[in-house]
């Protein structure tokens, strides 16, 4: 029981943090992004965050080499999805969004189109709903599902849980945040902020050519 309570505290604090984090102005190459670093969450669910924002016009921040990312979560239909899914494509784009975040919702129609335009063996797209918890309120899950349908974001979306938080999201302090990983689960790049379809296409093609 105490383990479950600690997990809920983790996720509640993470969701509460992101409720104050959605920003980043408009879409496309002219949009602003922020570069932020966060501390690791402590075992009792406390988060120590150090933020350093820096405007960047449509640019992403460079990432150091990173270990393999591992997670397990449920999708909108209750199916278990693990980090093994990353082996299905050369590049996986993981877009972290929230139901209250207008920039997130504005870019999702373009992401939905991109998800269907590439060879699945080369590129796949996964969404993470940062403010809807696995096993949480059914009304929230239903609302998220309606937003996914309205925006045409027809790709796998995962619900927030402790495994996702610890495996991928400890450094996320605002949405949208987007990760690019290779087939081995190694982080290649991170983009903070929304972009339009053509800008994402340029980013994806650049990574595929490497």
N, C-alpha and C. Protein backbone atom coordinates (compact mmCIF):
# COMPACT_ATOMS: atom_id res chain seq x y z
N UNK A 1 0.83 -1.20 0.00
CA UNK A 1 0.00 0.00 0.00
C UNK A 1 0.87 1.26 0.00
N UNK A 2 1.94 1.24 0.84
CA UNK A 2 2.82 2.41 0.89
C UNK A 2 3.50 2.64 -0.46
N UNK A 3 3.86 1.53 -1.15
CA UNK A 3 4.48 1.66 -2.47
C UNK A 3 3.52 2.32 -3.45
N UNK A 4 2.24 1.93 -3.40
CA UNK A 4 1.24 2.52 -4.29
C UNK A 4 1.07 4.00 -3.99
N UNK A 5 1.06 4.35 -2.69
CA UNK A 5 0.90 5.75 -2.31
C UNK A 5 2.07 6.59 -2.79
N UNK A 6 3.30 6.05 -2.68
CA UNK A 6 4.47 6.78 -3.15
C UNK A 6 4.41 7.00 -4.66
N UNK A 7 3.95 5.96 -5.37
CA UNK A 7 3.81 6.08 -6.83
C UNK A 7 2.82 7.17 -7.20
N UNK A 8 1.68 7.22 -6.50
CA UNK A 8 0.68 8.24 -6.78
C UNK A 8 1.22 9.63 -6.49
N UNK A 9 2.04 9.76 -5.43
CA UNK A 9 2.64 11.06 -5.11
C UNK A 9 3.57 11.50 -6.23
N UNK A 10 4.40 10.56 -6.74
CA UNK A 10 5.28 10.84 -7.88
C UNK A 10 4.48 11.45 -9.03
N UNK A 11 3.45 10.73 -9.41
CA UNK A 11 2.71 11.11 -10.60
C UNK A 11 1.90 12.38 -10.38
N UNK A 12 1.36 12.55 -9.18
CA UNK A 12 0.61 13.76 -8.88
C UNK A 12 1.51 14.99 -8.97
N UNK A 13 2.71 14.90 -8.41
CA UNK A 13 3.62 16.04 -8.44
C UNK A 13 4.08 16.35 -9.86
N UNK A 14 4.31 15.29 -10.64
CA UNK A 14 4.73 15.50 -12.02
C UNK A 14 3.62 16.18 -12.82
N UNK A 15 2.38 15.71 -12.65
CA UNK A 15 1.25 16.31 -13.36
C UNK A 15 1.04 17.75 -12.92
N UNK A 16 1.17 18.00 -11.61
CA UNK A 16 0.99 19.36 -11.10
C UNK A 16 2.05 20.30 -11.64
N UNK A 17 3.28 19.80 -11.77
CA UNK A 17 4.37 20.60 -12.33
C UNK A 17 4.06 21.01 -13.76
N UNK A 18 3.57 20.06 -14.56
CA UNK A 18 3.30 20.35 -15.96
C UNK A 18 2.10 21.25 -16.14
N UNK A 19 1.19 21.28 -15.17
CA UNK A 19 0.05 22.18 -15.27
C UNK A 19 0.50 23.63 -15.35
N UNK A 20 1.70 23.91 -14.84
CA UNK A 20 2.25 25.26 -14.89
C UNK A 20 3.26 25.43 -16.02
N UNK A 21 3.42 24.40 -16.86
CA UNK A 21 4.53 24.43 -17.79
C UNK A 21 4.19 24.60 -19.24
N UNK A 22 2.93 24.50 -19.63
CA UNK A 22 2.58 24.58 -21.04
C UNK A 22 2.75 26.00 -21.52
N UNK A 23 3.57 26.17 -22.54
CA UNK A 23 3.82 27.51 -23.07
C UNK A 23 4.32 27.39 -24.49
N UNK A 24 5.24 28.26 -24.85
CA UNK A 24 5.99 28.19 -26.09
C UNK A 24 5.33 28.79 -27.31
N UNK A 25 4.38 29.69 -27.18
CA UNK A 25 3.95 30.49 -28.31
C UNK A 25 3.45 29.71 -29.50
N UNK A 26 3.87 30.15 -30.72
CA UNK A 26 3.29 29.65 -31.95
C UNK A 26 3.94 28.42 -32.50
N UNK A 27 3.63 28.12 -33.75
CA UNK A 27 4.07 26.91 -34.42
C UNK A 27 5.19 27.23 -35.40
N UNK A 28 5.91 26.17 -35.79
CA UNK A 28 6.83 26.27 -36.92
C UNK A 28 8.20 26.76 -36.55
N UNK A 29 9.00 27.07 -37.58
CA UNK A 29 10.39 27.44 -37.37
C UNK A 29 10.52 28.74 -36.60
N UNK A 30 9.49 29.56 -36.61
CA UNK A 30 9.57 30.80 -35.88
C UNK A 30 9.09 30.70 -34.45
N UNK A 31 8.70 29.50 -34.01
CA UNK A 31 8.20 29.36 -32.64
C UNK A 31 9.33 29.39 -31.66
N UNK A 32 9.01 29.75 -30.41
CA UNK A 32 10.01 29.79 -29.37
C UNK A 32 10.04 28.47 -28.63
N UNK A 33 11.23 28.08 -28.20
CA UNK A 33 11.38 26.91 -27.36
C UNK A 33 12.14 27.30 -26.13
N UNK A 34 12.06 26.42 -25.12
CA UNK A 34 12.80 26.65 -23.90
C UNK A 34 13.74 25.49 -23.68
N UNK A 35 14.86 25.81 -23.00
CA UNK A 35 15.83 24.80 -22.67
C UNK A 35 15.88 24.71 -21.16
N UNK A 36 15.39 23.61 -20.61
CA UNK A 36 15.26 23.51 -19.17
C UNK A 36 15.88 22.22 -18.67
N UNK A 37 16.45 22.30 -17.48
CA UNK A 37 17.00 21.11 -16.85
C UNK A 37 16.29 20.90 -15.54
N UNK A 38 16.02 19.64 -15.20
CA UNK A 38 15.36 19.35 -13.94
C UNK A 38 16.18 18.39 -13.12
N UNK A 39 16.00 18.46 -11.82
CA UNK A 39 16.67 17.52 -10.93
C UNK A 39 15.93 16.20 -10.94
N UNK A 40 16.58 15.16 -10.42
CA UNK A 40 15.95 13.85 -10.31
C UNK A 40 14.93 13.85 -9.20
N UNK A 41 13.82 13.15 -9.42
CA UNK A 41 12.79 13.07 -8.38
C UNK A 41 13.27 12.18 -7.25
N UNK A 42 13.06 12.60 -6.01
CA UNK A 42 13.45 11.81 -4.87
C UNK A 42 12.45 10.70 -4.64
N UNK A 43 12.83 9.69 -3.81
CA UNK A 43 12.01 8.51 -3.62
C UNK A 43 10.66 8.82 -3.02
N UNK A 44 10.54 9.87 -2.25
CA UNK A 44 9.27 10.21 -1.63
C UNK A 44 8.39 11.05 -2.54
N UNK A 45 8.81 11.19 -3.78
CA UNK A 45 7.99 11.91 -4.74
C UNK A 45 8.26 13.39 -4.78
N UNK A 46 9.36 13.86 -4.12
CA UNK A 46 9.69 15.28 -4.15
C UNK A 46 10.53 15.55 -5.39
N UNK A 47 10.30 16.66 -6.04
CA UNK A 47 11.07 17.01 -7.23
C UNK A 47 11.83 18.29 -6.97
N UNK A 48 13.15 18.25 -7.23
CA UNK A 48 13.95 19.46 -7.12
C UNK A 48 14.30 19.91 -8.52
N UNK A 49 13.78 21.06 -8.91
CA UNK A 49 13.92 21.50 -10.30
C UNK A 49 14.80 22.73 -10.40
N UNK A 50 15.67 22.72 -11.37
CA UNK A 50 16.46 23.89 -11.70
C UNK A 50 16.15 24.25 -13.13
N UNK A 51 15.58 25.43 -13.31
CA UNK A 51 15.15 25.82 -14.64
C UNK A 51 16.04 26.93 -15.18
N UNK A 52 16.42 26.76 -16.42
CA UNK A 52 17.16 27.81 -17.11
C UNK A 52 16.60 27.95 -18.49
N UNK A 53 15.74 28.92 -18.69
CA UNK A 53 15.05 29.04 -19.97
C UNK A 53 15.89 29.85 -20.93
N UNK A 54 15.89 29.40 -22.18
CA UNK A 54 16.61 30.11 -23.22
C UNK A 54 15.81 30.02 -24.50
N UNK A 55 15.40 31.16 -25.05
CA UNK A 55 14.62 31.16 -26.28
C UNK A 55 15.47 30.68 -27.43
N UNK A 56 14.85 29.83 -28.26
CA UNK A 56 15.53 29.31 -29.45
C UNK A 56 14.51 29.25 -30.57
N UNK A 57 14.78 29.86 -31.69
CA UNK A 57 13.81 29.95 -32.77
C UNK A 57 13.75 28.65 -33.55
N UNK A 58 12.81 27.78 -33.14
CA UNK A 58 12.60 26.55 -33.88
C UNK A 58 13.74 25.57 -33.77
N UNK A 59 14.71 25.78 -32.86
CA UNK A 59 15.85 24.90 -32.75
C UNK A 59 15.64 23.92 -31.61
N UNK A 60 16.36 22.80 -31.65
CA UNK A 60 16.30 21.82 -30.59
C UNK A 60 17.58 21.92 -29.78
N UNK A 61 17.57 21.28 -28.59
CA UNK A 61 18.76 21.35 -27.77
C UNK A 61 19.58 20.08 -27.95
N UNK A 62 20.90 20.21 -27.92
CA UNK A 62 21.78 19.09 -28.12
C UNK A 62 21.73 18.18 -26.91
N UNK A 63 21.90 16.87 -27.15
CA UNK A 63 21.84 15.90 -26.09
C UNK A 63 23.16 15.15 -25.99
N UNK A 64 23.63 14.91 -24.78
CA UNK A 64 24.79 14.03 -24.63
C UNK A 64 24.38 12.60 -24.88
N UNK A 65 25.37 11.71 -25.04
CA UNK A 65 25.06 10.30 -25.20
C UNK A 65 24.34 9.82 -23.96
N UNK A 66 23.40 8.89 -24.12
CA UNK A 66 22.57 8.49 -23.00
C UNK A 66 22.41 6.98 -22.99
N UNK A 67 22.10 6.42 -21.82
CA UNK A 67 21.88 4.98 -21.74
C UNK A 67 20.56 4.60 -22.38
N UNK A 68 20.36 3.30 -22.52
CA UNK A 68 19.11 2.80 -23.09
C UNK A 68 17.94 3.16 -22.20
N UNK A 69 16.87 3.62 -22.81
CA UNK A 69 15.66 4.01 -22.08
C UNK A 69 14.71 2.82 -22.02
N UNK A 70 14.22 2.54 -20.82
CA UNK A 70 13.35 1.39 -20.60
C UNK A 70 12.07 1.86 -19.90
N UNK A 71 10.92 1.39 -20.38
CA UNK A 71 9.65 1.73 -19.75
C UNK A 71 8.61 0.67 -20.08
N UNK A 72 7.51 0.70 -19.33
CA UNK A 72 6.34 -0.13 -19.62
C UNK A 72 5.12 0.65 -19.19
N UNK A 73 4.12 0.73 -20.07
CA UNK A 73 2.93 1.53 -19.79
C UNK A 73 1.75 0.94 -20.54
N UNK A 74 0.57 1.52 -20.29
CA UNK A 74 -0.63 1.11 -20.99
C UNK A 74 -1.04 2.16 -22.02
N UNK A 75 -1.57 1.67 -23.15
CA UNK A 75 -2.09 2.59 -24.14
C UNK A 75 -3.55 2.90 -23.84
N UNK A 76 -4.21 3.63 -24.70
CA UNK A 76 -5.58 4.07 -24.46
C UNK A 76 -6.57 2.91 -24.41
N UNK A 77 -6.21 1.78 -25.00
CA UNK A 77 -7.10 0.62 -25.00
C UNK A 77 -6.78 -0.35 -23.87
N UNK A 78 -5.82 0.00 -23.02
CA UNK A 78 -5.45 -0.86 -21.91
C UNK A 78 -4.41 -1.91 -22.24
N UNK A 79 -3.84 -1.84 -23.45
CA UNK A 79 -2.79 -2.78 -23.83
C UNK A 79 -1.45 -2.35 -23.23
N UNK A 80 -0.65 -3.32 -22.83
CA UNK A 80 0.67 -3.03 -22.29
C UNK A 80 1.66 -2.77 -23.43
N UNK A 81 2.35 -1.66 -23.34
CA UNK A 81 3.36 -1.29 -24.34
C UNK A 81 4.67 -1.06 -23.59
N UNK A 82 5.71 -1.77 -23.99
CA UNK A 82 7.01 -1.61 -23.34
C UNK A 82 7.99 -0.95 -24.29
N UNK A 83 9.16 -0.64 -23.79
CA UNK A 83 10.21 -0.04 -24.61
C UNK A 83 10.69 -0.98 -25.70
N UNK A 84 10.26 -2.24 -25.68
CA UNK A 84 10.58 -3.16 -26.78
C UNK A 84 10.03 -2.65 -28.11
N UNK A 85 9.00 -1.81 -28.05
CA UNK A 85 8.40 -1.27 -29.27
C UNK A 85 9.39 -0.42 -30.06
N UNK A 86 10.41 0.09 -29.38
CA UNK A 86 11.39 0.94 -30.05
C UNK A 86 12.16 0.17 -31.11
N UNK A 87 12.28 -1.15 -30.95
CA UNK A 87 13.02 -1.97 -31.91
C UNK A 87 12.28 -2.10 -33.23
N UNK A 88 11.02 -1.66 -33.29
CA UNK A 88 10.22 -1.80 -34.51
C UNK A 88 10.58 -0.79 -35.59
N UNK A 89 11.30 0.28 -35.22
CA UNK A 89 11.60 1.34 -36.20
C UNK A 89 13.01 1.88 -35.96
N UNK A 90 13.60 2.38 -37.02
CA UNK A 90 14.92 2.99 -36.90
C UNK A 90 14.88 4.21 -35.99
N UNK A 91 13.82 5.02 -36.13
CA UNK A 91 13.65 6.23 -35.32
C UNK A 91 12.25 6.21 -34.70
N UNK A 92 12.18 6.46 -33.41
CA UNK A 92 10.89 6.62 -32.73
C UNK A 92 10.79 8.03 -32.17
N UNK A 93 9.70 8.69 -32.48
CA UNK A 93 9.41 10.03 -31.96
C UNK A 93 8.39 9.89 -30.84
N UNK A 94 8.74 10.33 -29.63
CA UNK A 94 7.83 10.28 -28.49
C UNK A 94 7.45 11.71 -28.12
N UNK A 95 6.19 12.03 -28.34
CA UNK A 95 5.68 13.38 -28.12
C UNK A 95 4.90 13.43 -26.81
N UNK A 96 5.41 14.18 -25.84
CA UNK A 96 4.77 14.31 -24.53
C UNK A 96 3.84 15.52 -24.57
N UNK A 97 2.55 15.28 -24.33
CA UNK A 97 1.56 16.34 -24.45
C UNK A 97 0.61 16.31 -23.26
N UNK A 98 -0.28 17.29 -23.20
CA UNK A 98 -1.26 17.36 -22.12
C UNK A 98 -2.58 17.84 -22.69
N UNK A 99 -3.66 17.45 -22.05
CA UNK A 99 -4.99 17.77 -22.56
C UNK A 99 -5.31 19.25 -22.47
N UNK A 100 -4.61 19.99 -21.60
CA UNK A 100 -4.88 21.43 -21.41
C UNK A 100 -3.97 22.30 -22.27
N UNK A 101 -3.05 21.69 -23.02
CA UNK A 101 -1.97 22.42 -23.69
C UNK A 101 -2.35 22.73 -25.14
N UNK A 102 -2.67 23.98 -25.42
CA UNK A 102 -3.07 24.37 -26.78
C UNK A 102 -1.97 24.16 -27.83
N UNK A 103 -0.69 24.52 -27.54
CA UNK A 103 0.36 24.24 -28.52
C UNK A 103 0.48 22.74 -28.84
N UNK A 104 0.28 21.90 -27.82
CA UNK A 104 0.31 20.45 -28.05
C UNK A 104 -0.78 20.03 -29.03
N UNK A 105 -1.99 20.48 -28.75
CA UNK A 105 -3.13 20.10 -29.58
C UNK A 105 -3.02 20.67 -30.99
N UNK A 106 -2.43 21.85 -31.11
CA UNK A 106 -2.30 22.50 -32.42
C UNK A 106 -1.37 21.72 -33.35
N UNK A 107 -0.35 21.07 -32.79
CA UNK A 107 0.59 20.36 -33.66
C UNK A 107 0.17 18.91 -33.91
N UNK A 108 -0.79 18.40 -33.17
CA UNK A 108 -1.15 16.99 -33.29
C UNK A 108 -1.77 16.59 -34.63
N UNK A 109 -2.55 17.46 -35.32
CA UNK A 109 -3.01 17.06 -36.65
C UNK A 109 -1.85 16.77 -37.61
N UNK A 110 -0.83 17.61 -37.58
CA UNK A 110 0.34 17.38 -38.42
C UNK A 110 1.08 16.12 -38.03
N UNK A 111 1.18 15.86 -36.72
CA UNK A 111 1.83 14.63 -36.26
C UNK A 111 1.04 13.40 -36.72
N UNK A 112 -0.28 13.51 -36.69
CA UNK A 112 -1.10 12.40 -37.15
C UNK A 112 -0.84 12.08 -38.61
N UNK A 113 -0.66 13.11 -39.42
CA UNK A 113 -0.35 12.90 -40.84
C UNK A 113 1.02 12.27 -41.00
N UNK A 114 2.00 12.77 -40.24
CA UNK A 114 3.36 12.23 -40.34
C UNK A 114 3.41 10.76 -39.96
N UNK A 115 2.61 10.38 -38.98
CA UNK A 115 2.63 9.00 -38.49
C UNK A 115 2.28 8.00 -39.60
N UNK A 116 1.49 8.44 -40.58
CA UNK A 116 1.09 7.55 -41.65
C UNK A 116 1.87 7.69 -42.94
N UNK A 117 2.84 8.60 -42.97
CA UNK A 117 3.54 8.91 -44.23
C UNK A 117 4.91 8.24 -44.35
N UNK A 118 5.37 7.59 -43.30
CA UNK A 118 6.69 6.95 -43.33
C UNK A 118 6.56 5.43 -43.28
N UNK A 119 7.58 4.78 -43.80
CA UNK A 119 7.69 3.33 -43.65
C UNK A 119 7.79 3.01 -42.16
N UNK A 120 6.89 2.17 -41.62
CA UNK A 120 6.91 1.88 -40.18
C UNK A 120 8.24 1.32 -39.68
N UNK A 121 9.00 0.71 -40.58
CA UNK A 121 10.31 0.18 -40.19
C UNK A 121 11.34 1.29 -40.04
N UNK A 122 11.03 2.46 -40.61
CA UNK A 122 11.94 3.60 -40.53
C UNK A 122 11.54 4.58 -39.42
N UNK A 123 10.24 4.80 -39.26
CA UNK A 123 9.79 5.84 -38.33
C UNK A 123 8.45 5.46 -37.70
N UNK A 124 8.35 5.68 -36.39
CA UNK A 124 7.08 5.52 -35.70
C UNK A 124 6.91 6.65 -34.68
N UNK A 125 5.66 6.92 -34.33
CA UNK A 125 5.34 8.04 -33.45
C UNK A 125 4.50 7.54 -32.28
N UNK A 126 4.86 7.95 -31.08
CA UNK A 126 4.14 7.57 -29.86
C UNK A 126 3.85 8.84 -29.07
N UNK A 127 2.63 8.95 -28.57
CA UNK A 127 2.28 10.06 -27.70
C UNK A 127 2.28 9.62 -26.24
N UNK A 128 2.62 10.53 -25.35
CA UNK A 128 2.52 10.29 -23.91
C UNK A 128 1.64 11.39 -23.33
N UNK A 129 0.51 11.00 -22.72
CA UNK A 129 -0.42 11.98 -22.17
C UNK A 129 0.00 12.27 -20.73
N UNK A 130 0.65 13.39 -20.52
CA UNK A 130 1.33 13.65 -19.26
C UNK A 130 0.41 13.99 -18.10
N UNK A 131 -0.85 14.31 -18.37
CA UNK A 131 -1.76 14.68 -17.29
C UNK A 131 -2.90 13.68 -17.10
N UNK A 132 -2.78 12.51 -17.72
CA UNK A 132 -3.78 11.46 -17.54
C UNK A 132 -3.06 10.20 -17.09
N UNK A 133 -3.38 9.75 -15.88
CA UNK A 133 -2.65 8.65 -15.27
C UNK A 133 -3.25 7.29 -15.59
N UNK A 134 -2.38 6.32 -15.74
CA UNK A 134 -2.81 4.94 -15.90
C UNK A 134 -3.62 4.52 -14.67
N UNK A 135 -4.80 3.93 -14.92
CA UNK A 135 -5.66 3.52 -13.82
C UNK A 135 -6.38 4.67 -13.16
N UNK A 136 -6.34 5.84 -13.79
CA UNK A 136 -6.94 7.03 -13.21
C UNK A 136 -8.40 7.19 -13.58
N UNK A 137 -8.86 8.43 -13.49
CA UNK A 137 -10.26 8.77 -13.71
C UNK A 137 -10.68 8.46 -15.14
N UNK A 138 -11.74 7.68 -15.29
CA UNK A 138 -12.22 7.30 -16.62
C UNK A 138 -12.67 8.52 -17.43
N UNK A 139 -13.21 9.52 -16.76
CA UNK A 139 -13.65 10.72 -17.47
C UNK A 139 -12.47 11.42 -18.13
N UNK A 140 -11.32 11.45 -17.45
CA UNK A 140 -10.12 12.06 -18.02
C UNK A 140 -9.63 11.27 -19.23
N UNK A 141 -9.66 9.95 -19.10
CA UNK A 141 -9.21 9.10 -20.21
C UNK A 141 -10.13 9.28 -21.41
N UNK A 142 -11.43 9.34 -21.16
CA UNK A 142 -12.40 9.55 -22.24
C UNK A 142 -12.19 10.91 -22.91
N UNK A 143 -11.91 11.92 -22.10
CA UNK A 143 -11.66 13.25 -22.65
C UNK A 143 -10.41 13.26 -23.53
N UNK A 144 -9.36 12.61 -23.05
CA UNK A 144 -8.13 12.52 -23.85
C UNK A 144 -8.39 11.80 -25.16
N UNK A 145 -9.19 10.74 -25.11
CA UNK A 145 -9.52 9.99 -26.32
C UNK A 145 -10.27 10.86 -27.32
N UNK A 146 -11.14 11.73 -26.82
CA UNK A 146 -11.89 12.62 -27.72
C UNK A 146 -10.96 13.63 -28.38
N UNK A 147 -9.96 14.11 -27.66
CA UNK A 147 -9.00 15.05 -28.24
C UNK A 147 -8.15 14.37 -29.30
N UNK A 148 -7.77 13.14 -29.05
CA UNK A 148 -6.99 12.39 -30.02
C UNK A 148 -7.79 12.21 -31.31
N UNK A 149 -9.08 11.89 -31.17
CA UNK A 149 -9.94 11.72 -32.35
C UNK A 149 -10.13 13.04 -33.08
N UNK A 150 -10.37 14.12 -32.34
CA UNK A 150 -10.60 15.43 -32.96
C UNK A 150 -9.38 15.93 -33.73
N UNK A 151 -8.20 15.65 -33.21
CA UNK A 151 -6.98 16.15 -33.85
C UNK A 151 -6.43 15.20 -34.91
N UNK A 152 -7.03 14.03 -35.05
CA UNK A 152 -6.55 13.07 -36.04
C UNK A 152 -5.20 12.47 -35.68
N UNK A 153 -4.86 12.47 -34.40
CA UNK A 153 -3.57 11.95 -33.95
C UNK A 153 -3.67 10.44 -33.79
N UNK A 154 -3.78 9.76 -34.91
CA UNK A 154 -4.07 8.33 -34.94
C UNK A 154 -2.79 7.52 -34.82
N UNK A 155 -2.22 7.53 -33.65
CA UNK A 155 -1.04 6.73 -33.35
C UNK A 155 -1.11 6.33 -31.88
N UNK A 156 -0.23 5.48 -31.44
CA UNK A 156 -0.25 4.98 -30.07
C UNK A 156 -0.04 6.11 -29.06
N UNK A 157 -0.90 6.15 -28.04
CA UNK A 157 -0.76 7.11 -26.95
C UNK A 157 -0.69 6.35 -25.63
N UNK A 158 0.26 6.70 -24.79
CA UNK A 158 0.46 6.03 -23.51
C UNK A 158 0.01 6.90 -22.36
N UNK A 159 -0.51 6.26 -21.32
CA UNK A 159 -0.94 6.96 -20.11
C UNK A 159 0.24 7.03 -19.13
N UNK A 160 0.29 8.10 -18.38
CA UNK A 160 1.39 8.32 -17.45
C UNK A 160 1.40 7.29 -16.32
N UNK A 161 2.57 6.73 -16.05
CA UNK A 161 2.75 5.89 -14.87
C UNK A 161 4.18 6.07 -14.36
N UNK A 162 4.50 5.39 -13.29
CA UNK A 162 5.81 5.58 -12.67
C UNK A 162 6.95 5.10 -13.58
N UNK A 163 6.70 3.99 -14.30
CA UNK A 163 7.73 3.46 -15.20
C UNK A 163 8.09 4.47 -16.29
N UNK A 164 7.08 5.08 -16.89
CA UNK A 164 7.33 6.10 -17.91
C UNK A 164 8.04 7.31 -17.31
N UNK A 165 7.58 7.72 -16.12
CA UNK A 165 8.19 8.88 -15.48
C UNK A 165 9.67 8.65 -15.21
N UNK A 166 9.99 7.52 -14.58
CA UNK A 166 11.38 7.26 -14.21
C UNK A 166 12.24 6.92 -15.42
N UNK A 167 11.63 6.29 -16.45
CA UNK A 167 12.41 5.87 -17.61
C UNK A 167 12.67 6.97 -18.61
N UNK A 168 11.77 7.98 -18.65
CA UNK A 168 11.86 8.95 -19.74
C UNK A 168 11.60 10.40 -19.33
N UNK A 169 10.78 10.62 -18.31
CA UNK A 169 10.21 11.95 -18.11
C UNK A 169 10.77 12.74 -16.94
N UNK A 170 11.80 12.25 -16.26
CA UNK A 170 12.29 12.98 -15.08
C UNK A 170 12.83 14.36 -15.44
N UNK A 171 13.26 14.55 -16.68
CA UNK A 171 13.79 15.84 -17.10
C UNK A 171 12.78 16.74 -17.77
N UNK A 172 11.51 16.32 -17.81
CA UNK A 172 10.48 17.10 -18.49
C UNK A 172 9.82 18.05 -17.50
N UNK A 173 9.81 19.33 -17.83
CA UNK A 173 9.17 20.32 -16.95
C UNK A 173 8.16 21.17 -17.70
N UNK A 174 7.95 20.93 -18.99
CA UNK A 174 6.97 21.67 -19.77
C UNK A 174 6.57 20.83 -20.97
N UNK A 175 5.38 21.08 -21.46
CA UNK A 175 4.90 20.38 -22.65
C UNK A 175 4.53 21.40 -23.73
N UNK A 176 4.63 21.01 -25.01
CA UNK A 176 5.10 19.71 -25.48
C UNK A 176 6.61 19.56 -25.39
N UNK A 177 7.04 18.35 -25.07
CA UNK A 177 8.43 17.95 -25.16
C UNK A 177 8.48 16.69 -26.02
N UNK A 178 9.41 16.64 -26.95
CA UNK A 178 9.47 15.52 -27.89
C UNK A 178 10.85 14.90 -27.87
N UNK A 179 10.88 13.57 -27.75
CA UNK A 179 12.13 12.81 -27.75
C UNK A 179 12.25 12.02 -29.04
N UNK A 180 13.48 11.87 -29.52
CA UNK A 180 13.78 10.97 -30.63
C UNK A 180 14.74 9.91 -30.13
N UNK A 181 14.37 8.64 -30.34
CA UNK A 181 15.17 7.51 -29.88
C UNK A 181 15.47 6.58 -31.04
N UNK A 182 16.59 5.87 -30.95
CA UNK A 182 16.89 4.89 -31.99
C UNK A 182 16.30 3.54 -31.61
N UNK A 183 16.57 2.54 -32.44
CA UNK A 183 15.95 1.23 -32.24
C UNK A 183 16.44 0.52 -30.98
N UNK A 184 17.55 1.00 -30.42
CA UNK A 184 18.08 0.42 -29.19
C UNK A 184 17.64 1.17 -27.94
N UNK A 185 16.77 2.17 -28.11
CA UNK A 185 16.30 2.93 -26.97
C UNK A 185 17.26 3.99 -26.50
N UNK A 186 18.19 4.38 -27.34
CA UNK A 186 19.14 5.43 -26.99
C UNK A 186 18.60 6.78 -27.44
N UNK A 187 18.62 7.75 -26.55
CA UNK A 187 18.10 9.08 -26.86
C UNK A 187 19.01 9.79 -27.85
N UNK A 188 18.43 10.24 -28.96
CA UNK A 188 19.18 10.93 -30.01
C UNK A 188 19.03 12.43 -29.92
N UNK A 189 17.84 12.90 -29.55
CA UNK A 189 17.58 14.34 -29.57
C UNK A 189 16.33 14.66 -28.77
N UNK A 190 16.23 15.89 -28.32
CA UNK A 190 15.06 16.37 -27.61
C UNK A 190 14.67 17.73 -28.16
N UNK A 191 13.40 17.93 -28.41
CA UNK A 191 12.88 19.21 -28.87
C UNK A 191 11.83 19.67 -27.86
N UNK A 192 11.99 20.88 -27.34
CA UNK A 192 11.03 21.43 -26.39
C UNK A 192 10.24 22.53 -27.08
N UNK A 193 8.93 22.34 -27.17
CA UNK A 193 8.09 23.30 -27.86
C UNK A 193 7.43 22.69 -29.08
N UNK A 194 6.41 23.35 -29.59
CA UNK A 194 5.65 22.86 -30.73
C UNK A 194 6.27 23.33 -32.04
N UNK A 195 6.13 22.50 -33.08
CA UNK A 195 6.56 22.88 -34.42
C UNK A 195 5.49 22.45 -35.42
N UNK A 196 5.53 23.02 -36.61
CA UNK A 196 4.57 22.61 -37.63
C UNK A 196 5.07 21.35 -38.35
N UNK A 197 4.22 20.82 -39.21
CA UNK A 197 4.51 19.54 -39.85
C UNK A 197 5.80 19.57 -40.66
N UNK A 198 6.01 20.62 -41.44
CA UNK A 198 7.20 20.68 -42.30
C UNK A 198 8.49 20.73 -41.47
N UNK A 199 8.44 21.40 -40.33
CA UNK A 199 9.61 21.46 -39.47
C UNK A 199 9.91 20.11 -38.84
N UNK A 200 8.86 19.40 -38.43
CA UNK A 200 9.07 18.05 -37.91
C UNK A 200 9.59 17.12 -39.00
N UNK A 201 9.06 17.29 -40.21
CA UNK A 201 9.50 16.46 -41.32
C UNK A 201 10.99 16.64 -41.58
N UNK A 202 11.44 17.88 -41.53
CA UNK A 202 12.86 18.17 -41.73
C UNK A 202 13.70 17.51 -40.64
N UNK A 203 13.23 17.58 -39.40
CA UNK A 203 13.95 16.96 -38.29
C UNK A 203 14.02 15.45 -38.45
N UNK A 204 12.88 14.83 -38.77
CA UNK A 204 12.82 13.38 -38.92
C UNK A 204 13.73 12.91 -40.05
N UNK A 205 13.66 13.57 -41.19
CA UNK A 205 14.47 13.17 -42.34
C UNK A 205 15.95 13.30 -42.03
N UNK A 206 16.31 14.35 -41.29
CA UNK A 206 17.72 14.53 -40.92
C UNK A 206 18.22 13.38 -40.05
N UNK A 207 17.40 12.94 -39.11
CA UNK A 207 17.80 11.84 -38.24
C UNK A 207 17.87 10.52 -39.01
N UNK A 208 16.95 10.33 -39.95
CA UNK A 208 16.95 9.10 -40.73
C UNK A 208 18.17 9.02 -41.65
N UNK A 209 18.68 10.15 -42.07
CA UNK A 209 19.83 10.17 -42.97
C UNK A 209 21.14 9.91 -42.25
N UNK A 210 21.15 10.04 -40.95
CA UNK A 210 22.40 9.84 -40.19
C UNK A 210 22.76 8.37 -40.09
